[in-house]
C-alpha atoms as a PDB file:
ATOM      1  CA  MET A   1      42.357 130.256  24.628  1.00  0.00           C
ATOM      2  CA  ASN A   2      41.212 128.205  27.617  1.00  0.00           C
ATOM      3  CA  ILE A   3      40.707 129.475  31.158  1.00  0.00           C
ATOM      4  CA  LEU A   4      41.257 127.026  34.004  1.00  0.00           C
ATOM      5  CA  THR A   5      42.225 126.935  37.673  1.00  0.00           C
ATOM      6  CA  ILE A   6      45.405 125.296  38.921  1.00  0.00           C
ATOM      7  CA  HIS A   7      45.956 124.739  42.648  1.00  0.00           C
ATOM      8  CA  ASN A   8      49.025 125.099  44.831  1.00  0.00           C
ATOM      9  CA  GLN A   9      47.686 123.814  48.139  1.00  0.00           C
ATOM     10  CA  ASP A  10      45.408 126.640  49.372  1.00  0.00           C
ATOM     11  CA  ILE A  11      46.297 128.934  46.454  1.00  0.00           C
ATOM     12  CA  ALA A  12      44.087 128.805  43.355  1.00  0.00           C
ATOM     13  CA  LEU A  13      45.633 130.327  40.226  1.00  0.00           C
ATOM     14  CA  GLN A  14      43.442 131.308  37.318  1.00  0.00           C
ATOM     15  CA  VAL A  15      45.372 130.455  34.166  1.00  0.00           C
ATOM     16  CA  ARG A  16      44.927 131.197  30.494  1.00  0.00           C
ATOM     17  CA  GLU A  17      46.402 128.577  28.213  1.00  0.00           C
ATOM     18  CA  ALA A  18      46.742 128.231  24.473  1.00  0.00           C
ATOM     19  CA  GLY A  19      48.635 126.236  21.895  1.00  0.00           C
ATOM     20  CA  PRO A  20      49.039 122.491  21.241  1.00  0.00           C
ATOM     21  CA  ALA A  21      48.885 120.276  24.314  1.00  0.00           C
ATOM     22  CA  ASP A  22      52.118 118.545  23.305  1.00  0.00           C
ATOM     23  CA  GLY A  23      54.015 121.766  22.601  1.00  0.00           C
ATOM     24  CA  GLU A  24      56.974 122.866  24.688  1.00  0.00           C
ATOM     25  CA  LEU A  25      55.633 124.601  27.809  1.00  0.00           C
ATOM     26  CA  MET A  26      56.163 128.347  28.091  1.00  0.00           C
ATOM     27  CA  ILE A  27      55.013 130.120  31.271  1.00  0.00           C
ATOM     28  CA  LEU A  28      54.585 133.910  31.122  1.00  0.00           C
ATOM     29  CA  LEU A  29      54.481 135.923  34.359  1.00  0.00           C
ATOM     30  CA  HIS A  30      53.060 139.441  34.679  1.00  0.00           C
ATOM     31  CA  GLY A  31      53.868 142.157  37.185  1.00  0.00           C
ATOM     32  CA  PHE A  32      52.408 145.196  38.972  1.00  0.00           C
ATOM     33  CA  PRO A  33      49.812 146.570  38.398  1.00  0.00           C
ATOM     34  CA  GLU A  34      48.785 144.320  35.542  1.00  0.00           C
ATOM     35  CA  CYS A  35      47.423 140.786  35.186  1.00  0.00           C
ATOM     36  CA  TRP A  36      47.561 138.126  32.470  1.00  0.00           C
ATOM     37  CA  ASN A  37      46.836 141.005  30.066  1.00  0.00           C
ATOM     38  CA  THR A  38      50.557 141.919  30.043  1.00  0.00           C
ATOM     39  CA  TRP A  39      50.993 139.134  27.479  1.00  0.00           C
ATOM     40  CA  ARG A  40      47.776 139.683  25.513  1.00  0.00           C
ATOM     41  CA  HIS A  41      49.661 140.358  22.285  1.00  0.00           C
ATOM     42  CA  GLN A  42      52.101 137.451  22.692  1.00  0.00           C
ATOM     43  CA  ILE A  43      49.761 134.550  23.500  1.00  0.00           C
ATOM     44  CA  GLU A  44      48.461 133.939  19.985  1.00  0.00           C
ATOM     45  CA  PRO A  45      51.830 134.203  18.165  1.00  0.00           C
ATOM     46  CA  LEU A  46      53.491 131.875  20.686  1.00  0.00           C
ATOM     47  CA  ALA A  47      50.671 129.353  20.428  1.00  0.00           C
ATOM     48  CA  ALA A  48      50.802 129.547  16.622  1.00  0.00           C
ATOM     49  CA  ALA A  49      54.531 128.838  16.820  1.00  0.00           C
ATOM     50  CA  GLY A  50      53.726 125.533  18.519  1.00  0.00           C
ATOM     51  CA  PHE A  51      54.265 126.329  22.191  1.00  0.00           C
ATOM     52  CA  ARG A  52      51.939 125.367  25.015  1.00  0.00           C
ATOM     53  CA  VAL A  53      51.450 128.801  26.540  1.00  0.00           C
ATOM     54  CA  CYS A  54      50.483 129.193  30.194  1.00  0.00           C
ATOM     55  CA  VAL A  55      49.680 132.700  31.484  1.00  0.00           C
ATOM     56  CA  PRO A  56      48.552 132.821  35.118  1.00  0.00           C
ATOM     57  CA  ASP A  57      47.085 135.658  37.066  1.00  0.00           C
ATOM     58  CA  MET A  58      49.728 135.720  39.796  1.00  0.00           C
ATOM     59  CA  ARG A  59      48.504 135.169  43.336  1.00  0.00           C
ATOM     60  CA  GLY A  60      46.774 138.320  44.512  1.00  0.00           C
ATOM     61  CA  TYR A  61      45.631 139.333  41.034  1.00  0.00           C
ATOM     62  CA  GLY A  62      42.445 138.855  39.040  1.00  0.00           C
ATOM     63  CA  GLU A  63      40.491 135.845  40.218  1.00  0.00           C
ATOM     64  CA  SER A  64      43.494 134.033  41.692  1.00  0.00           C
ATOM     65  CA  SER A  65      43.672 133.595  45.478  1.00  0.00           C
ATOM     66  CA  LYS A  66      44.542 136.600  47.641  1.00  0.00           C
ATOM     67  CA  PRO A  67      45.884 135.523  51.036  1.00  0.00           C
ATOM     68  CA  ASP A  68      45.657 138.269  53.652  1.00  0.00           C
ATOM     69  CA  ASP A  69      49.099 137.892  55.225  1.00  0.00           C
ATOM     70  CA  TYR A  70      51.698 139.965  53.365  1.00  0.00           C
ATOM     71  CA  ARG A  71      54.307 137.266  54.116  1.00  0.00           C
ATOM     72  CA  ARG A  72      52.484 135.000  51.670  1.00  0.00           C
ATOM     73  CA  TYR A  73      53.825 137.253  48.884  1.00  0.00           C
ATOM     74  CA  HIS A  74      57.498 136.675  49.598  1.00  0.00           C
ATOM     75  CA  LEU A  75      59.483 135.428  46.630  1.00  0.00           C
ATOM     76  CA  ASN A  76      60.081 132.086  48.356  1.00  0.00           C
ATOM     77  CA  GLU A  77      56.298 131.616  48.440  1.00  0.00           C
ATOM     78  CA  LEU A  78      55.660 132.946  44.948  1.00  0.00           C
ATOM     79  CA  ILE A  79      57.997 130.480  43.248  1.00  0.00           C
ATOM     80  CA  THR A  80      56.005 127.586  44.710  1.00  0.00           C
ATOM     81  CA  ASP A  81      53.166 128.714  42.434  1.00  0.00           C
ATOM     82  CA  ILE A  82      55.466 128.308  39.433  1.00  0.00           C
ATOM     83  CA  GLU A  83      56.439 124.845  40.607  1.00  0.00           C
ATOM     84  CA  ALA A  84      52.751 123.969  40.914  1.00  0.00           C
ATOM     85  CA  LEU A  85      52.183 125.068  37.310  1.00  0.00           C
ATOM     86  CA  ARG A  86      55.118 122.984  36.086  1.00  0.00           C
ATOM     87  CA  GLN A  87      53.889 119.925  37.933  1.00  0.00           C
ATOM     88  CA  HIS A  88      50.330 120.412  36.688  1.00  0.00           C
ATOM     89  CA  TYR A  89      51.580 120.153  33.108  1.00  0.00           C
ATOM     90  CA  GLY A  90      53.820 117.213  33.982  1.00  0.00           C
ATOM     91  CA  ARG A  91      56.929 118.783  32.500  1.00  0.00           C
ATOM     92  CA  GLU A  92      60.447 118.292  33.770  1.00  0.00           C
ATOM     93  CA  ARG A  93      61.666 121.399  31.947  1.00  0.00           C
ATOM     94  CA  PHE A  94      60.009 124.464  30.452  1.00  0.00           C
ATOM     95  CA  HIS A  95      60.587 128.012  29.197  1.00  0.00           C
ATOM     96  CA  LEU A  96      59.969 130.890  31.594  1.00  0.00           C
ATOM     97  CA  ALA A  97      59.453 134.592  30.878  1.00  0.00           C
ATOM     98  CA  GLY A  98      58.534 137.430  33.199  1.00  0.00           C
ATOM     99  CA  HIS A  99      57.974 141.172  33.302  1.00  0.00           C
ATOM    100  CA  ASP A 100      58.214 143.499  36.317  1.00  0.00           C
ATOM    101  CA  TRP A 101      57.277 141.454  39.433  1.00  0.00           C
ATOM    102  CA  GLY A 102      56.843 138.462  37.164  1.00  0.00           C
ATOM    103  CA  ALA A 103      60.464 138.919  36.127  1.00  0.00           C
ATOM    104  CA  ALA A 104      61.537 139.118  39.780  1.00  0.00           C
ATOM    105  CA  VAL A 105      59.749 135.809  40.395  1.00  0.00           C
ATOM    106  CA  ALA A 106      61.331 134.342  37.253  1.00  0.00           C
ATOM    107  CA  TRP A 107      64.835 135.358  38.414  1.00  0.00           C
ATOM    108  CA  TRP A 108      64.129 133.872  41.848  1.00  0.00           C
ATOM    109  CA  TYR A 109      62.789 130.652  40.384  1.00  0.00           C
ATOM    110  CA  ALA A 110      65.929 130.327  38.236  1.00  0.00           C
ATOM    111  CA  LEU A 111      68.158 130.820  41.280  1.00  0.00           C
ATOM    112  CA  HIS A 112      66.376 127.972  43.096  1.00  0.00           C
ATOM    113  CA  HIS A 113      65.167 125.601  40.346  1.00  0.00           C
ATOM    114  CA  GLU A 114      67.463 126.232  37.422  1.00  0.00           C
ATOM    115  CA  GLN A 115      67.475 122.555  36.490  1.00  0.00           C
ATOM    116  CA  HIS A 116      63.852 122.849  35.359  1.00  0.00           C
ATOM    117  CA  LEU A 117      64.479 125.687  32.891  1.00  0.00           C
ATOM    118  CA  ALA A 118      65.342 125.335  29.217  1.00  0.00           C
ATOM    119  CA  SER A 119      65.385 129.116  28.781  1.00  0.00           C
ATOM    120  CA  LEU A 120      64.720 132.323  30.692  1.00  0.00           C
ATOM    121  CA  SER A 121      63.460 135.640  29.295  1.00  0.00           C
ATOM    122  CA  ILE A 122      63.417 138.767  31.444  1.00  0.00           C
ATOM    123  CA  LEU A 123      61.679 142.066  30.630  1.00  0.00           C
ATOM    124  CA  ASN A 124      62.811 145.227  32.423  1.00  0.00           C
ATOM    125  CA  VAL A 125      63.726 143.976  35.876  1.00  0.00           C
ATOM    126  CA  PRO A 126      67.298 143.503  37.112  1.00  0.00           C
ATOM    127  CA  HIS A 127      68.770 140.418  38.706  1.00  0.00           C
ATOM    128  CA  PRO A 128      67.837 140.376  42.444  1.00  0.00           C
ATOM    129  CA  PHE A 129      71.467 140.754  43.527  1.00  0.00           C
ATOM    130  CA  THR A 130      71.822 143.786  41.263  1.00  0.00           C
ATOM    131  CA  PHE A 131      68.580 145.430  42.336  1.00  0.00           C
ATOM    132  CA  LEU A 132      69.195 145.137  46.068  1.00  0.00           C
ATOM    133  CA  SER A 133      72.759 146.348  45.660  1.00  0.00           C
ATOM    134  CA  LYS A 134      71.588 149.395  43.681  1.00  0.00           C
ATOM    135  CA  LEU A 135      68.764 150.084  46.123  1.00  0.00           C
ATOM    136  CA  LYS A 136      71.213 150.176  49.024  1.00  0.00           C
ATOM    137  CA  SER A 137      74.101 152.002  47.345  1.00  0.00           C
ATOM    138  CA  SER A 138      72.614 154.298  44.696  1.00  0.00           C
ATOM    139  CA  PRO A 139      70.760 157.455  45.817  1.00  0.00           C
ATOM    140  CA  LEU A 140      69.398 157.768  42.264  1.00  0.00           C
ATOM    141  CA  GLN A 141      67.921 154.269  42.300  1.00  0.00           C
ATOM    142  CA  MET A 142      66.500 154.899  45.764  1.00  0.00           C
ATOM    143  CA  LEU A 143      64.840 158.028  44.412  1.00  0.00           C
ATOM    144  CA  LYS A 144      63.497 156.140  41.397  1.00  0.00           C
ATOM    145  CA  SER A 145      62.123 153.491  43.777  1.00  0.00           C
ATOM    146  CA  TRP A 146      60.217 155.946  45.982  1.00  0.00           C
ATOM    147  CA  TYR A 147      56.976 154.022  45.415  1.00  0.00           C
ATOM    148  CA  ILE A 148      58.390 150.938  47.150  1.00  0.00           C
ATOM    149  CA  PHE A 149      58.685 152.923  50.390  1.00  0.00           C
ATOM    150  CA  TYR A 150      55.286 154.550  49.857  1.00  0.00           C
ATOM    151  CA  PHE A 151      53.727 151.086  49.556  1.00  0.00           C
ATOM    152  CA  GLN A 152      54.893 150.240  53.087  1.00  0.00           C
ATOM    153  CA  LEU A 153      52.192 152.563  54.464  1.00  0.00           C
ATOM    154  CA  PRO A 154      48.936 150.981  55.652  1.00  0.00           C
ATOM    155  CA  TRP A 155      45.711 151.467  53.607  1.00  0.00           C
ATOM    156  CA  LEU A 156      46.795 154.758  51.951  1.00  0.00           C
ATOM    157  CA  PRO A 157      48.245 153.182  48.758  1.00  0.00           C
ATOM    158  CA  GLU A 158      45.106 151.101  48.238  1.00  0.00           C
ATOM    159  CA  TRP A 159      42.875 154.134  48.800  1.00  0.00           C
ATOM    160  CA  GLY A 160      44.832 156.188  46.275  1.00  0.00           C
ATOM    161  CA  MET A 161      44.708 153.503  43.605  1.00  0.00           C
ATOM    162  CA  ARG A 162      40.943 153.127  43.970  1.00  0.00           C
ATOM    163  CA  LEU A 163      40.168 156.843  43.517  1.00  0.00           C
ATOM    164  CA  PHE A 164      38.416 158.059  40.364  1.00  0.00           C
ATOM    165  CA  ASN A 165      37.671 154.544  39.127  1.00  0.00           C
ATOM    166  CA  TYR A 166      41.354 153.523  39.285  1.00  0.00           C
ATOM    167  CA  GLY A 167      42.319 156.738  37.538  1.00  0.00           C
ATOM    168  CA  PHE A 168      45.788 156.862  39.144  1.00  0.00           C
ATOM    169  CA  LEU A 169      46.687 153.415  37.831  1.00  0.00           C
ATOM    170  CA  ARG A 170      45.463 154.296  34.348  1.00  0.00           C
ATOM    171  CA  LEU A 171      47.439 157.540  34.433  1.00  0.00           C
ATOM    172  CA  VAL A 172      50.654 155.805  35.502  1.00  0.00           C
ATOM    173  CA  LEU A 173      50.411 153.241  32.722  1.00  0.00           C
ATOM    174  CA  LYS A 174      49.553 155.778  30.031  1.00  0.00           C
ATOM    175  CA  ALA A 175      52.113 158.374  31.131  1.00  0.00           C
ATOM    176  CA  SER A 176      55.001 155.927  31.457  1.00  0.00           C
ATOM    177  CA  SER A 177      54.429 153.924  28.230  1.00  0.00           C
ATOM    178  CA  THR A 178      54.692 154.890  24.582  1.00  0.00           C
ATOM    179  CA  ALA A 179      51.703 156.579  22.968  1.00  0.00           C
ATOM    180  CA  GLY A 180      48.971 154.066  22.142  1.00  0.00           C
ATOM    181  CA  ALA A 181      50.618 151.155  23.944  1.00  0.00           C
ATOM    182  CA  TYR A 182      47.506 150.678  26.092  1.00  0.00           C
ATOM    183  CA  ASN A 183      43.991 150.789  24.683  1.00  0.00           C
ATOM    184  CA  GLU A 184      40.516 150.363  26.132  1.00  0.00           C
ATOM    185  CA  GLU A 185      40.623 146.581  25.807  1.00  0.00           C
ATOM    186  CA  ASP A 186      43.719 146.584  28.008  1.00  0.00           C
ATOM    187  CA  PHE A 187      42.033 148.772  30.606  1.00  0.00           C
ATOM    188  CA  HIS A 188      38.879 146.659  30.509  1.00  0.00           C
ATOM    189  CA  ASN A 189      40.952 143.581  31.393  1.00  0.00           C
ATOM    190  CA  LEU A 190      42.960 145.456  34.014  1.00  0.00           C
ATOM    191  CA  ARG A 191      39.892 147.006  35.638  1.00  0.00           C
ATOM    192  CA  HIS A 192      38.351 143.546  35.985  1.00  0.00           C
ATOM    193  CA  SER A 193      41.440 142.464  37.919  1.00  0.00           C
ATOM    194  CA  TRP A 194      41.626 145.589  40.093  1.00  0.00           C
ATOM    195  CA  GLN A 195      37.928 145.309  41.029  1.00  0.00           C
ATOM    196  CA  GLN A 196      38.316 141.859  42.585  1.00  0.00           C
ATOM    197  CA  PRO A 197      37.991 141.952  46.403  1.00  0.00           C
ATOM    198  CA  GLY A 198      41.398 142.198  48.038  1.00  0.00           C
ATOM    199  CA  CYS A 199      43.309 142.730  44.809  1.00  0.00           C
ATOM    200  CA  LEU A 200      44.734 146.187  45.526  1.00  0.00           C
ATOM    201  CA  THR A 201      46.033 145.153  48.950  1.00  0.00           C
ATOM    202  CA  ALA A 202      47.505 141.975  47.506  1.00  0.00           C
ATOM    203  CA  MET A 203      49.277 143.963  44.789  1.00  0.00           C
ATOM    204  CA  VAL A 204      50.873 146.213  47.423  1.00  0.00           C
ATOM    205  CA  ASN A 205      51.730 143.239  49.641  1.00  0.00           C
ATOM    206  CA  TYR A 206      54.345 142.148  47.101  1.00  0.00           C
ATOM    207  CA  TYR A 207      56.293 145.293  48.011  1.00  0.00           C
ATOM    208  CA  ARG A 208      55.619 144.977  51.734  1.00  0.00           C
ATOM    209  CA  ALA A 209      56.987 141.438  51.753  1.00  0.00           C
ATOM    210  CA  MET A 210      60.024 142.470  49.713  1.00  0.00           C
ATOM    211  CA  LEU A 211      61.283 145.191  52.069  1.00  0.00           C
ATOM    212  CA  ARG A 212      60.419 143.413  55.303  1.00  0.00           C
ATOM    213  CA  HIS A 213      61.967 140.051  54.449  1.00  0.00           C
ATOM    214  CA  ILE A 214      65.002 140.625  52.231  1.00  0.00           C
ATOM    215  CA  GLN A 215      67.271 137.593  52.220  1.00  0.00           C
ATOM    216  CA  LEU A 216      69.339 136.658  49.199  1.00  0.00           C
ATOM    217  CA  PRO A 217      70.166 133.012  48.458  1.00  0.00           C
ATOM    218  CA  ALA A 218      73.473 131.727  49.822  1.00  0.00           C
ATOM    219  CA  GLN A 219      75.137 131.612  46.400  1.00  0.00           C
ATOM    220  CA  ASP A 220      76.927 133.898  43.984  1.00  0.00           C
ATOM    221  CA  GLY A 221      73.842 134.538  41.852  1.00  0.00           C
ATOM    222  CA  ARG A 222      75.391 133.164  38.668  1.00  0.00           C
ATOM    223  CA  LEU A 223      73.064 131.393  36.230  1.00  0.00           C
ATOM    224  CA  GLN A 224      73.831 128.855  33.533  1.00  0.00           C
ATOM    225  CA  VAL A 225      70.387 128.757  31.912  1.00  0.00           C
ATOM    226  CA  PRO A 226      70.316 130.520  28.513  1.00  0.00           C
ATOM    227  CA  THR A 227      68.848 133.919  29.318  1.00  0.00           C
ATOM    228  CA  GLN A 228      67.810 136.941  27.325  1.00  0.00           C
ATOM    229  CA  ILE A 229      67.163 140.304  28.966  1.00  0.00           C
ATOM    230  CA  LEU A 230      64.912 142.594  26.932  1.00  0.00           C
ATOM    231  CA  TRP A 231      65.014 146.187  28.157  1.00  0.00           C
ATOM    232  CA  GLY A 232      63.197 149.377  27.263  1.00  0.00           C
ATOM    233  CA  GLU A 233      65.705 152.172  27.864  1.00  0.00           C
ATOM    234  CA  ARG A 234      63.002 154.726  28.742  1.00  0.00           C
ATOM    235  CA  ASP A 235      62.157 152.906  31.970  1.00  0.00           C
ATOM    236  CA  LEU A 236      61.392 155.594  34.576  1.00  0.00           C
ATOM    237  CA  ALA A 237      61.930 153.335  37.584  1.00  0.00           C
ATOM    238  CA  LEU A 238      64.947 151.186  36.698  1.00  0.00           C
ATOM    239  CA  SER A 239      68.278 152.267  35.237  1.00  0.00           C
ATOM    240  CA  LEU A 240      69.832 150.870  32.077  1.00  0.00           C
ATOM    241  CA  GLN A 241      73.022 150.270  34.048  1.00  0.00           C
ATOM    242  CA  SER A 242      71.164 147.768  36.200  1.00  0.00           C
ATOM    243  CA  ALA A 243      70.384 145.784  33.050  1.00  0.00           C
ATOM    244  CA  HIS A 244      74.070 145.674  32.102  1.00  0.00           C
ATOM    245  CA  ASP A 245      75.016 144.702  35.657  1.00  0.00           C
ATOM    246  CA  SER A 246      72.431 141.906  35.566  1.00  0.00           C
ATOM    247  CA  ALA A 247      73.899 140.472  32.376  1.00  0.00           C
ATOM    248  CA  ALA A 248      77.179 139.955  34.222  1.00  0.00           C
ATOM    249  CA  PHE A 249      75.500 137.179  36.250  1.00  0.00           C
ATOM    250  CA  LEU A 250      74.725 135.182  33.092  1.00  0.00           C
ATOM    251  CA  ALA A 251      77.066 132.516  31.781  1.00  0.00           C
ATOM    252  CA  HIS A 252      74.942 132.224  28.626  1.00  0.00           C
ATOM    253  CA  GLY A 253      73.139 135.515  28.367  1.00  0.00           C
ATOM    254  CA  GLU A 254      72.239 138.311  26.014  1.00  0.00           C
ATOM    255  CA  LEU A 255      71.007 141.839  26.685  1.00  0.00           C
ATOM    256  CA  ILE A 256      68.871 143.510  24.004  1.00  0.00           C
ATOM    257  CA  THR A 257      67.865 147.109  24.622  1.00  0.00           C
ATOM    258  CA  TYR A 258      65.321 149.360  22.919  1.00  0.00           C
ATOM    259  CA  PRO A 259      66.048 153.108  23.072  1.00  0.00           C
ATOM    260  CA  ASP A 260      62.471 154.042  22.123  1.00  0.00           C
ATOM    261  CA  ALA A 261      60.679 151.668  24.524  1.00  0.00           C
ATOM    262  CA  THR A 262      59.650 151.986  28.178  1.00  0.00           C
ATOM    263  CA  HIS A 263      59.199 149.693  31.154  1.00  0.00           C
ATOM    264  CA  TRP A 264      56.041 148.303  29.487  1.00  0.00           C
ATOM    265  CA  LEU A 265      57.961 146.588  26.716  1.00  0.00           C
ATOM    266  CA  ALA A 266      55.434 143.848  25.866  1.00  0.00           C
ATOM    267  CA  HIS A 267      52.896 146.591  25.080  1.00  0.00           C
ATOM    268  CA  ASP A 268      55.340 149.016  23.451  1.00  0.00           C
ATOM    269  CA  LYS A 269      56.808 146.445  21.050  1.00  0.00           C
ATOM    270  CA  PRO A 270      54.422 143.477  20.963  1.00  0.00           C
ATOM    271  CA  GLU A 271      55.601 141.905  17.692  1.00  0.00           C
ATOM    272  CA  GLU A 272      59.270 142.290  18.592  1.00  0.00           C
ATOM    273  CA  VAL A 273      58.781 140.702  22.008  1.00  0.00           C
ATOM    274  CA  SER A 274      56.841 137.806  20.468  1.00  0.00           C
ATOM    275  CA  GLN A 275      59.597 137.105  17.958  1.00  0.00           C
ATOM    276  CA  ARG A 276      62.319 137.389  20.594  1.00  0.00           C
ATOM    277  CA  LEU A 277      60.520 134.881  22.802  1.00  0.00           C
ATOM    278  CA  ILE A 278      59.962 132.459  19.933  1.00  0.00           C
ATOM    279  CA  GLY A 279      63.543 132.745  18.707  1.00  0.00           C
ATOM    280  CA  HIS A 280      65.084 132.311  22.142  1.00  0.00           C
ATOM    281  CA  CYS A 281      62.968 129.275  23.005  1.00  0.00           C
ATOM    282  CA  ARG A 282      63.571 127.624  19.644  1.00  0.00           C
ATOM    283  CA  ALA A 283      67.312 128.162  20.052  1.00  0.00           C
ATOM    284  CA  ASN A 284      67.154 126.420  23.444  1.00  0.00           C
ATOM    285  CA  PRO A 285      64.775 123.458  23.086  1.00  0.00           C
ATOM    286  CA  LEU A 286      63.757 121.345  26.049  1.00  0.00           C
ATOM    287  CA  ALA A 287      65.832 118.425  24.798  1.00  0.00           C
ATOM    288  CA  ALA A 288      69.050 120.435  25.050  1.00  0.00           C
ATOM    289  CA  PRO A 289      70.977 119.783  28.287  1.00  0.00           C
ATOM    290  CA  LEU A 290      71.598 122.634  30.730  1.00  0.00           C
ATOM    291  CA  GLN A 291      74.913 124.170  29.766  1.00  0.00           C
ATOM    292  CA  THR A 292      77.575 124.149  32.446  1.00  0.00           C
ATOM    293  CA  THR A 293      80.525 125.930  30.854  1.00  0.00           C
ATOM    294  CA  LYS A 294      81.109 129.456  32.073  1.00  0.00           C
ATOM    295  CA  SER A 295      81.520 131.655  29.033  1.00  0.00           C
ATOM    296  CA  LEU A 296      80.267 135.083  28.108  1.00  0.00           C
END
């Protein structure tokens, strides 16, 4: 596995890459409060399957750039990082997968640059239209999303996450995942990310930008790109119904759920996620044209 830096104007993204240089490009995006380590168990199997795997630390995380202004973490800004990665590798089309905030960015990228995607894989985050609708109309989802409102406070969220050597973050991940899903190697990698100057504020700024600048694209939200949604049913923050509602936006989509898995699906079921990613990408090679028929 190589580590390199890829630039998007003033943003430097630290990237881990693996697999043959001429393999089909697959970009994997992590979410809060993780880093590239989300995909630690998938990188080697995907590379062995012949894919060129690119796993960035998203802006604000690890040793990637951490702009101070929370507006730099709006989805419209974040997807420019994905475009920079695509252009760095010189690919017209690629496979994209995301978890948590990485999935939100992946959805947003698909809504704006669908022509560049051969396939899309989403782990435990609903379609943006679905999430915002649920957040506004469902008291239960609003209750589940309490942390989003908490993160709007100044300095307090960062202070709390830093206490006891990041003990709160460790507790959240351990308590909300299946037993043994995270081990000390995971926490070593995560702690390295959290310790970087400005990281905790940058992580929270994703949420600050989301609530303060909500504006959906002027479209119906429908996607043609072949998409699989993988969903752990024991997600404490997001309802299973939101996964089903998200699938309704997909002309060529599939929802696969796991009753015994949580929000942290790539850690809970690493081999299963690897095989699902490989199978989905192989079923939708880069040479295949973007489908335009609307069928479910």
